[in-house]
């Protein structure tokens, strides 16, 4: 009887740890998407320094972002690792057009 109880408790513990890890990863995935969207809005306005700060504040801990220009538009990607599920990479993407005054600005 005690062996079955030990196996059951171990299985339940593992199940709940995976469940909590999945929920934390889901929240962090949403934070990556929110950070990418906000960074894209700020880069479109010509404020890349503010975009970096927004990713640090909105995104999960350790999130990194990259801006990939595509003519008059660009894509922002925010990438972070899942805290409780090693090896899982979370990312958020946002596509935006530069504001007209930013697109015409030199440099």
Protein backbone atom coordinates (compact mmCIF):
# COMPACT_ATOMS: atom_id res chain seq x y z
CA UNK A 1 0.00 0.00 0.00
CA UNK A 2 2.79 2.51 0.82
CA UNK A 3 4.60 1.88 -2.49
CA UNK A 4 1.46 2.72 -4.44
CA UNK A 5 0.96 5.86 -2.37
CA UNK A 6 4.58 6.96 -2.94
CA UNK A 7 4.24 6.46 -6.71
CA UNK A 8 0.93 8.30 -6.76
CA UNK A 9 2.30 11.23 -4.77
CA UNK A 10 5.36 11.43 -7.04
CA UNK A 11 3.19 11.36 -10.16
CA UNK A 12 0.88 14.05 -8.78
CA UNK A 13 3.85 16.22 -7.81
CA UNK A 14 5.35 15.90 -11.29
CA UNK A 15 1.96 16.65 -12.89
CA UNK A 16 1.45 19.80 -10.82
CA UNK A 17 5.00 21.02 -11.47
CA UNK A 18 4.46 20.62 -15.22
CA UNK A 19 1.08 22.33 -14.94
CA UNK A 20 2.57 25.29 -13.06
CA UNK A 21 5.50 25.44 -15.51
CA UNK A 22 3.07 25.50 -18.42
CA UNK A 23 0.99 28.27 -16.87
CA UNK A 24 4.10 30.38 -16.16
CA UNK A 25 5.30 29.79 -19.75
CA UNK A 26 1.90 30.85 -21.10
CA UNK A 27 1.98 34.10 -19.12
CA UNK A 28 5.55 34.79 -20.24
CA UNK A 29 4.56 34.10 -23.86
CA UNK A 30 1.86 36.75 -23.56
CA UNK A 31 4.38 39.12 -22.01
CA UNK A 32 6.72 38.55 -24.99
CA UNK A 33 3.90 39.38 -27.41
CA UNK A 34 2.96 42.51 -25.43
CA UNK A 35 6.59 43.64 -25.26
CA UNK A 36 7.03 43.12 -29.02
CA UNK A 37 3.88 45.12 -29.77
CA UNK A 38 4.91 48.00 -27.51
CA UNK A 39 8.49 48.01 -28.84
CA UNK A 40 7.16 48.10 -32.43
CA UNK A 41 4.96 51.09 -31.59
CA UNK A 42 7.90 52.95 -30.07
CA UNK A 43 10.33 52.11 -32.89
CA UNK A 44 7.72 53.26 -35.43
CA UNK A 45 7.68 56.61 -33.64
CA UNK A 46 11.48 56.84 -33.75
CA UNK A 47 12.13 56.00 -30.09
CA UNK A 48 14.34 52.87 -30.10
CA UNK A 49 15.80 53.65 -26.65
CA UNK A 50 12.32 53.64 -25.17
CA UNK A 51 11.59 50.39 -26.99
CA UNK A 52 14.51 48.69 -25.27
CA UNK A 53 13.32 49.92 -21.89
CA UNK A 54 9.77 48.74 -22.64
CA UNK A 55 11.01 45.24 -23.47
CA UNK A 56 12.92 45.10 -20.16
CA UNK A 57 9.86 46.25 -18.20
CA UNK A 58 7.06 44.42 -20.02
CA UNK A 59 8.82 41.26 -21.18
CA UNK A 60 9.86 38.37 -18.96
CA UNK A 61 13.21 38.46 -17.18
CA UNK A 62 16.10 38.03 -19.59
CA UNK A 63 14.06 38.91 -22.68
CA UNK A 64 16.00 40.09 -25.71
CA UNK A 65 14.66 41.89 -28.73
CA UNK A 66 15.71 42.51 -32.31
CA UNK A 67 14.41 44.89 -34.97
CA UNK A 68 14.55 43.71 -38.58
CA UNK A 69 13.94 46.54 -41.10
CA UNK A 70 12.07 45.71 -44.31
CA UNK A 71 11.91 48.91 -46.38
CA UNK A 72 9.32 51.26 -44.85
CA UNK A 73 8.34 48.58 -42.34
CA UNK A 74 10.03 46.41 -39.75
CA UNK A 75 9.50 43.40 -37.54
CA UNK A 76 10.26 43.28 -33.83
CA UNK A 77 10.99 39.92 -32.22
CA UNK A 78 11.18 39.41 -28.46
CA UNK A 79 12.71 36.12 -27.28
CA UNK A 80 13.03 34.71 -23.76
CA UNK A 81 13.60 31.36 -22.10
CA UNK A 82 10.92 29.67 -20.04
CA UNK A 83 11.79 29.83 -16.35
CA UNK A 84 10.44 26.46 -15.22
CA UNK A 85 10.69 24.51 -18.49
CA UNK A 86 14.34 24.48 -19.60
CA UNK A 87 14.87 24.36 -23.34
CA UNK A 88 11.56 26.04 -24.17
CA UNK A 89 12.02 29.33 -26.03
CA UNK A 90 9.20 31.88 -25.93
CA UNK A 91 8.88 34.57 -28.57
CA UNK A 92 6.63 37.37 -29.68
CA UNK A 93 6.57 39.12 -33.05
CA UNK A 94 5.14 42.45 -34.13
CA UNK A 95 5.10 44.01 -37.60
CA UNK A 96 4.74 47.76 -38.06
CA UNK A 97 5.27 50.59 -40.51
CA UNK A 98 7.49 53.52 -39.68
CA UNK A 99 5.59 56.75 -39.03
CA UNK A 100 5.85 59.09 -42.05
CA UNK A 101 8.13 61.61 -40.31
CA UNK A 102 10.41 58.77 -39.12
CA UNK A 103 10.57 57.11 -42.54
CA UNK A 104 11.69 60.41 -44.14
CA UNK A 105 14.23 61.18 -41.44
CA UNK A 106 17.87 60.80 -42.55
CA UNK A 107 19.77 57.84 -41.12
